[in-house]
Amino acid sequence: MGRIAGVTAAETRERLLRAAAEVFAERGYDGTRVADIAAAAGVSNGALYAHFGSKAELLVAALRAHARQLLADLFADDPDRSATELLLAMGRQLPRRRDARGYLLVEALVAARRDADVARPTGDYVGERADWIAGLVRVAQGDGELDRGLSPQAVAHFCLALSIGSALVPPDLHAVDEADWAALLSRVVTGLAPSDTTAPRDSTP
């Protein structure tokens, strides 16, 4: 139940996630019906509910799938990046034009202001992203790339604010030269690096 003939459950789920991202981006959360997503994916409403319990659950599942794909792409490009280089690589992508899934967080945040069913899973998702970024910051601090006096959660909040702000101001509204943006990010990261007096010392004999 919930499968398309000749298609695995995992493939059906992926089809639903792609369809949800496209329909949510086109019509917004409030303007989207479950039936719209099912039709776009080529499945029945029953098949959709076999995979997702609600429209809100589907929205946040699409968010998580998109985030996983972005990370997979970044690691595929260079699996040996340091934590700081990974943060910079993520930041450099922010001013670029996004596909439909790139605006899902905006839809989720807007809907969360009015709908408690959306607010709860969206808050969980944002918390997960913040914790993941804070974890990267701690790794960079441990490697001596970022000042250990910085709050990892504060840096994570700053990164999330940049990401959300960039989604709200896409290139159609205001474009920025990618080289200029990359140079600015490099200056910011330099400002977060340890000073000569606070840099961690290598105690290895």
C-alpha atoms as a PDB file:
ATOM      1  CA  MET A   1       0.000   0.000   0.000  1.00  0.00           C
ATOM      2  CA  GLY A   2       1.306   3.436  -0.874  1.00  0.00           C
ATOM      3  CA  ARG A   3       3.444   2.205  -3.744  1.00  0.00           C
ATOM      4  CA  ILE A   4       3.263   2.987  -7.437  1.00  0.00           C
ATOM      5  CA  ALA A   5       3.239  -0.149  -9.613  1.00  0.00           C
ATOM      6  CA  GLY A   6       6.811  -1.114 -10.436  1.00  0.00           C
ATOM      7  CA  VAL A   7       8.262   1.534  -8.115  1.00  0.00           C
ATOM      8  CA  THR A   8       9.762   0.916  -4.681  1.00  0.00           C
ATOM      9  CA  ALA A   9       8.465   2.561  -1.531  1.00  0.00           C
ATOM     10  CA  ALA A  10      11.684   4.589  -1.296  1.00  0.00           C
ATOM     11  CA  GLU A  11      11.254   5.851  -4.872  1.00  0.00           C
ATOM     12  CA  THR A  12       7.623   6.765  -4.197  1.00  0.00           C
ATOM     13  CA  ARG A  13       8.678   8.685  -1.094  1.00  0.00           C
ATOM     14  CA  GLU A  14      11.342  10.554  -3.053  1.00  0.00           C
ATOM     15  CA  ARG A  15       8.810  11.385  -5.763  1.00  0.00           C
ATOM     16  CA  LEU A  16       6.465  12.794  -3.121  1.00  0.00           C
ATOM     17  CA  LEU A  17       9.242  14.902  -1.573  1.00  0.00           C
ATOM     18  CA  ARG A  18      10.175  16.406  -4.947  1.00  0.00           C
ATOM     19  CA  ALA A  19       6.541  17.111  -5.789  1.00  0.00           C
ATOM     20  CA  ALA A  20       5.934  18.682  -2.377  1.00  0.00           C
ATOM     21  CA  ALA A  21       8.914  21.021  -2.761  1.00  0.00           C
ATOM     22  CA  GLU A  22       7.741  22.196  -6.161  1.00  0.00           C
ATOM     23  CA  VAL A  23       4.088  22.685  -5.181  1.00  0.00           C
ATOM     24  CA  PHE A  24       4.881  24.399  -1.871  1.00  0.00           C
ATOM     25  CA  ALA A  25       7.264  26.762  -3.670  1.00  0.00           C
ATOM     26  CA  GLU A  26       4.678  27.578  -6.322  1.00  0.00           C
ATOM     27  CA  ARG A  27       1.552  27.919  -4.150  1.00  0.00           C
ATOM     28  CA  GLY A  28       2.836  28.399  -0.621  1.00  0.00           C
ATOM     29  CA  TYR A  29       1.997  26.193   2.329  1.00  0.00           C
ATOM     30  CA  ASP A  30      -1.489  27.577   2.924  1.00  0.00           C
ATOM     31  CA  GLY A  31      -2.350  27.459  -0.774  1.00  0.00           C
ATOM     32  CA  THR A  32      -1.302  23.835  -1.178  1.00  0.00           C
ATOM     33  CA  ARG A  33      -3.625  20.876  -0.634  1.00  0.00           C
ATOM     34  CA  VAL A  34      -2.463  17.347  -0.001  1.00  0.00           C
ATOM     35  CA  ALA A  35      -4.343  16.361  -3.152  1.00  0.00           C
ATOM     36  CA  ASP A  36      -2.219  18.844  -5.149  1.00  0.00           C
ATOM     37  CA  ILE A  37       0.994  17.161  -4.015  1.00  0.00           C
ATOM     38  CA  ALA A  38      -0.370  13.671  -4.638  1.00  0.00           C
ATOM     39  CA  ALA A  39      -1.442  14.659  -8.146  1.00  0.00           C
ATOM     40  CA  ALA A  40       1.943  16.245  -8.905  1.00  0.00           C
ATOM     41  CA  ALA A  41       3.660  13.043  -7.755  1.00  0.00           C
ATOM     42  CA  GLY A  42       1.259  10.850  -9.722  1.00  0.00           C
ATOM     43  CA  VAL A  43      -0.079   8.994  -6.694  1.00  0.00           C
ATOM     44  CA  SER A  44      -3.338   8.801  -4.780  1.00  0.00           C
ATOM     45  CA  ASN A  45      -4.042  10.635  -1.534  1.00  0.00           C
ATOM     46  CA  GLY A  46      -3.982   7.266   0.206  1.00  0.00           C
ATOM     47  CA  ALA A  47      -0.517   6.545  -1.147  1.00  0.00           C
ATOM     48  CA  LEU A  48       0.693   9.906   0.166  1.00  0.00           C
ATOM     49  CA  TYR A  49      -0.709   9.248   3.643  1.00  0.00           C
ATOM     50  CA  ALA A  50       0.979   5.852   3.646  1.00  0.00           C
ATOM     51  CA  HIS A  51       4.274   7.763   3.726  1.00  0.00           C
ATOM     52  CA  PHE A  52       3.425  11.014   5.540  1.00  0.00           C
ATOM     53  CA  GLY A  53       0.902  11.666   8.272  1.00  0.00           C
ATOM     54  CA  SER A  54       0.123  15.289   7.417  1.00  0.00           C
ATOM     55  CA  LYS A  55       0.927  18.199   5.143  1.00  0.00           C
ATOM     56  CA  ALA A  56       3.148  19.694   7.865  1.00  0.00           C
ATOM     57  CA  GLU A  57       5.088  16.448   8.201  1.00  0.00           C
ATOM     58  CA  LEU A  58       5.611  16.367   4.446  1.00  0.00           C
ATOM     59  CA  LEU A  59       6.884  19.955   4.415  1.00  0.00           C
ATOM     60  CA  VAL A  60       9.511  19.301   7.076  1.00  0.00           C
ATOM     61  CA  ALA A  61      10.475  15.960   5.510  1.00  0.00           C
ATOM     62  CA  ALA A  62      11.116  17.811   2.247  1.00  0.00           C
ATOM     63  CA  LEU A  63      13.258  20.314   4.161  1.00  0.00           C
ATOM     64  CA  ARG A  64      15.365  17.556   5.687  1.00  0.00           C
ATOM     65  CA  ALA A  65      15.774  15.777   2.348  1.00  0.00           C
ATOM     66  CA  HIS A  66      16.947  18.992   0.718  1.00  0.00           C
ATOM     67  CA  ALA A  67      19.477  19.665   3.499  1.00  0.00           C
ATOM     68  CA  ARG A  68      20.865  16.124   3.198  1.00  0.00           C
ATOM     69  CA  GLN A  69      21.302  16.530  -0.551  1.00  0.00           C
ATOM     70  CA  LEU A  70      23.115  19.845  -0.145  1.00  0.00           C
ATOM     71  CA  LEU A  71      25.536  18.302   2.333  1.00  0.00           C
ATOM     72  CA  ALA A  72      26.072  15.250   0.156  1.00  0.00           C
ATOM     73  CA  ASP A  73      26.926  17.522  -2.777  1.00  0.00           C
ATOM     74  CA  LEU A  74      29.369  19.560  -0.677  1.00  0.00           C
ATOM     75  CA  PHE A  75      31.158  16.471   0.617  1.00  0.00           C
ATOM     76  CA  ALA A  76      31.235  14.958  -2.869  1.00  0.00           C
ATOM     77  CA  ASP A  77      32.981  18.085  -4.169  1.00  0.00           C
ATOM     78  CA  ASP A  78      35.718  17.852  -1.544  1.00  0.00           C
ATOM     79  CA  PRO A  79      35.438  15.223   1.221  1.00  0.00           C
ATOM     80  CA  ASP A  80      38.654  16.472   2.881  1.00  0.00           C
ATOM     81  CA  ARG A  81      37.435  20.017   3.592  1.00  0.00           C
ATOM     82  CA  SER A  82      38.084  21.346   7.064  1.00  0.00           C
ATOM     83  CA  ALA A  83      35.127  22.472   9.186  1.00  0.00           C
ATOM     84  CA  THR A  84      35.827  26.127   8.404  1.00  0.00           C
ATOM     85  CA  GLU A  85      36.155  25.434   4.682  1.00  0.00           C
ATOM     86  CA  LEU A  86      32.818  23.584   4.765  1.00  0.00           C
ATOM     87  CA  LEU A  87      31.117  26.542   6.458  1.00  0.00           C
ATOM     88  CA  LEU A  88      32.624  28.873   3.859  1.00  0.00           C
ATOM     89  CA  ALA A  89      31.508  26.617   0.994  1.00  0.00           C
ATOM     90  CA  MET A  90      27.967  26.663   2.359  1.00  0.00           C
ATOM     91  CA  GLY A  91      28.082  30.429   2.709  1.00  0.00           C
ATOM     92  CA  ARG A  92      29.333  30.992  -0.826  1.00  0.00           C
ATOM     93  CA  GLN A  93      26.222  29.291  -2.199  1.00  0.00           C
ATOM     94  CA  LEU A  94      23.779  31.611  -0.439  1.00  0.00           C
ATOM     95  CA  PRO A  95      23.450  34.386  -3.072  1.00  0.00           C
ATOM     96  CA  ARG A  96      22.919  31.914  -5.925  1.00  0.00           C
ATOM     97  CA  ARG A  97      19.577  31.172  -7.534  1.00  0.00           C
ATOM     98  CA  ARG A  98      17.938  28.204  -5.843  1.00  0.00           C
ATOM     99  CA  ASP A  99      15.660  25.497  -7.085  1.00  0.00           C
ATOM    100  CA  ALA A 100      12.183  25.097  -5.608  1.00  0.00           C
ATOM    101  CA  ARG A 101      13.461  23.172  -2.589  1.00  0.00           C
ATOM    102  CA  GLY A 102      15.784  26.022  -1.679  1.00  0.00           C
ATOM    103  CA  TYR A 103      12.809  28.138  -0.563  1.00  0.00           C
ATOM    104  CA  LEU A 104      11.087  25.513   1.568  1.00  0.00           C
ATOM    105  CA  LEU A 105      12.415  26.926   4.826  1.00  0.00           C
ATOM    106  CA  VAL A 106      10.867  30.296   4.044  1.00  0.00           C
ATOM    107  CA  GLU A 107       7.489  28.640   3.474  1.00  0.00           C
ATOM    108  CA  ALA A 108       7.860  26.649   6.698  1.00  0.00           C
ATOM    109  CA  LEU A 109       8.788  29.688   8.778  1.00  0.00           C
ATOM    110  CA  VAL A 110       5.914  31.752   7.417  1.00  0.00           C
ATOM    111  CA  ALA A 111       3.427  28.937   8.003  1.00  0.00           C
ATOM    112  CA  ALA A 112       4.818  28.284  11.492  1.00  0.00           C
ATOM    113  CA  ARG A 113       3.756  31.744  12.618  1.00  0.00           C
ATOM    114  CA  ARG A 114       0.101  30.809  12.107  1.00  0.00           C
ATOM    115  CA  ASP A 115      -0.051  27.040  12.444  1.00  0.00           C
ATOM    116  CA  ALA A 116       1.082  25.156  15.552  1.00  0.00           C
ATOM    117  CA  ASP A 117       1.170  21.903  13.568  1.00  0.00           C
ATOM    118  CA  VAL A 118       3.875  23.458  11.390  1.00  0.00           C
ATOM    119  CA  ALA A 119       5.620  25.355  14.187  1.00  0.00           C
ATOM    120  CA  ARG A 120       6.570  22.258  16.174  1.00  0.00           C
ATOM    121  CA  PRO A 121       8.330  20.251  13.438  1.00  0.00           C
ATOM    122  CA  THR A 122       9.822  23.411  11.914  1.00  0.00           C
ATOM    123  CA  GLY A 123      11.270  24.365  15.290  1.00  0.00           C
ATOM    124  CA  ASP A 124      12.730  20.868  15.596  1.00  0.00           C
ATOM    125  CA  TYR A 125      14.269  21.173  12.140  1.00  0.00           C
ATOM    126  CA  VAL A 126      15.788  24.601  12.816  1.00  0.00           C
ATOM    127  CA  GLY A 127      17.166  23.303  16.110  1.00  0.00           C
ATOM    128  CA  GLU A 128      18.747  20.351  14.327  1.00  0.00           C
ATOM    129  CA  ARG A 129      20.382  22.634  11.770  1.00  0.00           C
ATOM    130  CA  ALA A 130      21.658  24.962  14.494  1.00  0.00           C
ATOM    131  CA  ASP A 131      23.093  22.041  16.476  1.00  0.00           C
ATOM    132  CA  TRP A 132      24.790  20.661  13.355  1.00  0.00           C
ATOM    133  CA  ILE A 133      26.391  24.032  12.559  1.00  0.00           C
ATOM    134  CA  ALA A 134      27.395  24.494  16.204  1.00  0.00           C
ATOM    135  CA  GLY A 135      29.056  21.089  16.011  1.00  0.00           C
ATOM    136  CA  LEU A 136      31.083  22.236  13.006  1.00  0.00           C
ATOM    137  CA  VAL A 137      32.080  25.356  14.921  1.00  0.00           C
ATOM    138  CA  ARG A 138      33.308  23.237  17.847  1.00  0.00           C
ATOM    139  CA  VAL A 139      35.380  21.124  15.482  1.00  0.00           C
ATOM    140  CA  ALA A 140      36.894  24.280  13.969  1.00  0.00           C
ATOM    141  CA  GLN A 141      37.612  25.611  17.465  1.00  0.00           C
ATOM    142  CA  GLY A 142      39.280  22.363  18.399  1.00  0.00           C
ATOM    143  CA  ASP A 143      41.445  22.588  15.284  1.00  0.00           C
ATOM    144  CA  GLY A 144      42.437  26.149  16.134  1.00  0.00           C
ATOM    145  CA  GLU A 145      40.586  27.666  13.133  1.00  0.00           C
ATOM    146  CA  LEU A 146      38.009  29.612  15.164  1.00  0.00           C
ATOM    147  CA  ASP A 147      38.333  31.436  18.485  1.00  0.00           C
ATOM    148  CA  ARG A 148      37.401  29.163  21.376  1.00  0.00           C
ATOM    149  CA  GLY A 149      35.882  32.129  23.173  1.00  0.00           C
ATOM    150  CA  LEU A 150      33.030  32.275  20.653  1.00  0.00           C
ATOM    151  CA  SER A 151      29.679  30.711  21.467  1.00  0.00           C
ATOM    152  CA  PRO A 152      29.046  27.907  18.923  1.00  0.00           C
ATOM    153  CA  GLN A 153      25.294  28.475  19.232  1.00  0.00           C
ATOM    154  CA  ALA A 154      25.714  32.202  18.558  1.00  0.00           C
ATOM    155  CA  VAL A 155      27.777  31.470  15.435  1.00  0.00           C
ATOM    156  CA  ALA A 156      25.169  28.921  14.351  1.00  0.00           C
ATOM    157  CA  HIS A 157      22.396  31.510  14.808  1.00  0.00           C
ATOM    158  CA  PHE A 158      24.389  33.974  12.694  1.00  0.00           C
ATOM    159  CA  CYS A 159      24.789  31.370   9.937  1.00  0.00           C
ATOM    160  CA  LEU A 160      21.079  30.507  10.006  1.00  0.00           C
ATOM    161  CA  ALA A 161      20.169  34.196   9.825  1.00  0.00           C
ATOM    162  CA  LEU A 162      22.387  34.596   6.750  1.00  0.00           C
ATOM    163  CA  SER A 163      20.834  31.556   5.103  1.00  0.00           C
ATOM    164  CA  ILE A 164      17.242  32.616   5.758  1.00  0.00           C
ATOM    165  CA  GLY A 165      17.929  36.208   4.765  1.00  0.00           C
ATOM    166  CA  SER A 166      19.468  35.094   1.486  1.00  0.00           C
ATOM    167  CA  ALA A 167      16.385  32.994   0.722  1.00  0.00           C
ATOM    168  CA  LEU A 168      14.183  36.031   1.370  1.00  0.00           C
ATOM    169  CA  VAL A 169      16.307  38.231  -0.922  1.00  0.00           C
ATOM    170  CA  PRO A 170      16.954  36.071  -4.008  1.00  0.00           C
ATOM    171  CA  PRO A 171      19.030  37.247  -6.993  1.00  0.00           C
ATOM    172  CA  ASP A 172      15.857  38.450  -8.732  1.00  0.00           C
ATOM    173  CA  LEU A 173      15.457  41.092  -6.033  1.00  0.00           C
ATOM    174  CA  HIS A 174      19.095  41.893  -5.364  1.00  0.00           C
ATOM    175  CA  ALA A 175      22.105  40.226  -6.915  1.00  0.00           C
ATOM    176  CA  VAL A 176      25.638  40.318  -5.551  1.00  0.00           C
ATOM    177  CA  ASP A 177      28.862  39.423  -7.315  1.00  0.00           C
ATOM    178  CA  GLU A 178      29.943  35.971  -6.150  1.00  0.00           C
ATOM    179  CA  ALA A 179      33.603  36.961  -5.884  1.00  0.00           C
ATOM    180  CA  ASP A 180      32.704  39.981  -3.752  1.00  0.00           C
ATOM    181  CA  TRP A 181      30.512  37.827  -1.532  1.00  0.00           C
ATOM    182  CA  ALA A 182      33.238  35.212  -1.121  1.00  0.00           C
ATOM    183  CA  ALA A 183      35.745  37.936  -0.199  1.00  0.00           C
ATOM    184  CA  LEU A 184      33.359  39.300   2.429  1.00  0.00           C
ATOM    185  CA  LEU A 185      32.826  35.849   3.942  1.00  0.00           C
ATOM    186  CA  SER A 186      36.578  35.327   4.112  1.00  0.00           C
ATOM    187  CA  ARG A 187      36.931  38.595   6.018  1.00  0.00           C
ATOM    188  CA  VAL A 188      34.211  37.531   8.444  1.00  0.00           C
ATOM    189  CA  VAL A 189      35.876  34.179   9.091  1.00  0.00           C
ATOM    190  CA  THR A 190      39.235  35.903   9.564  1.00  0.00           C
ATOM    191  CA  GLY A 191      37.582  38.030  12.231  1.00  0.00           C
ATOM    192  CA  LEU A 192      36.388  34.881  13.994  1.00  0.00           C
ATOM    193  CA  ALA A 193      39.828  33.274  13.990  1.00  0.00           C
ATOM    194  CA  PRO A 194      41.895  33.134  17.180  1.00  0.00           C
ATOM    195  CA  SER A 195      44.115  36.110  17.884  1.00  0.00           C
ATOM    196  CA  ASP A 196      47.784  35.520  18.661  1.00  0.00           C
ATOM    197  CA  THR A 197      46.965  35.672  22.359  1.00  0.00           C
ATOM    198  CA  THR A 198      43.952  33.375  22.320  1.00  0.00           C
ATOM    199  CA  ALA A 199      44.978  30.823  19.709  1.00  0.00           C
ATOM    200  CA  PRO A 200      45.103  27.296  21.169  1.00  0.00           C
ATOM    201  CA  ARG A 201      48.623  26.034  21.650  1.00  0.00           C
ATOM    202  CA  ASP A 202      49.799  22.643  20.476  1.00  0.00           C
ATOM    203  CA  SER A 203      50.782  20.764  23.626  1.00  0.00           C
ATOM    204  CA  THR A 204      52.077  17.755  21.690  1.00  0.00           C
ATOM    205  CA  PRO A 205      55.698  17.111  22.765  1.00  0.00           C
END
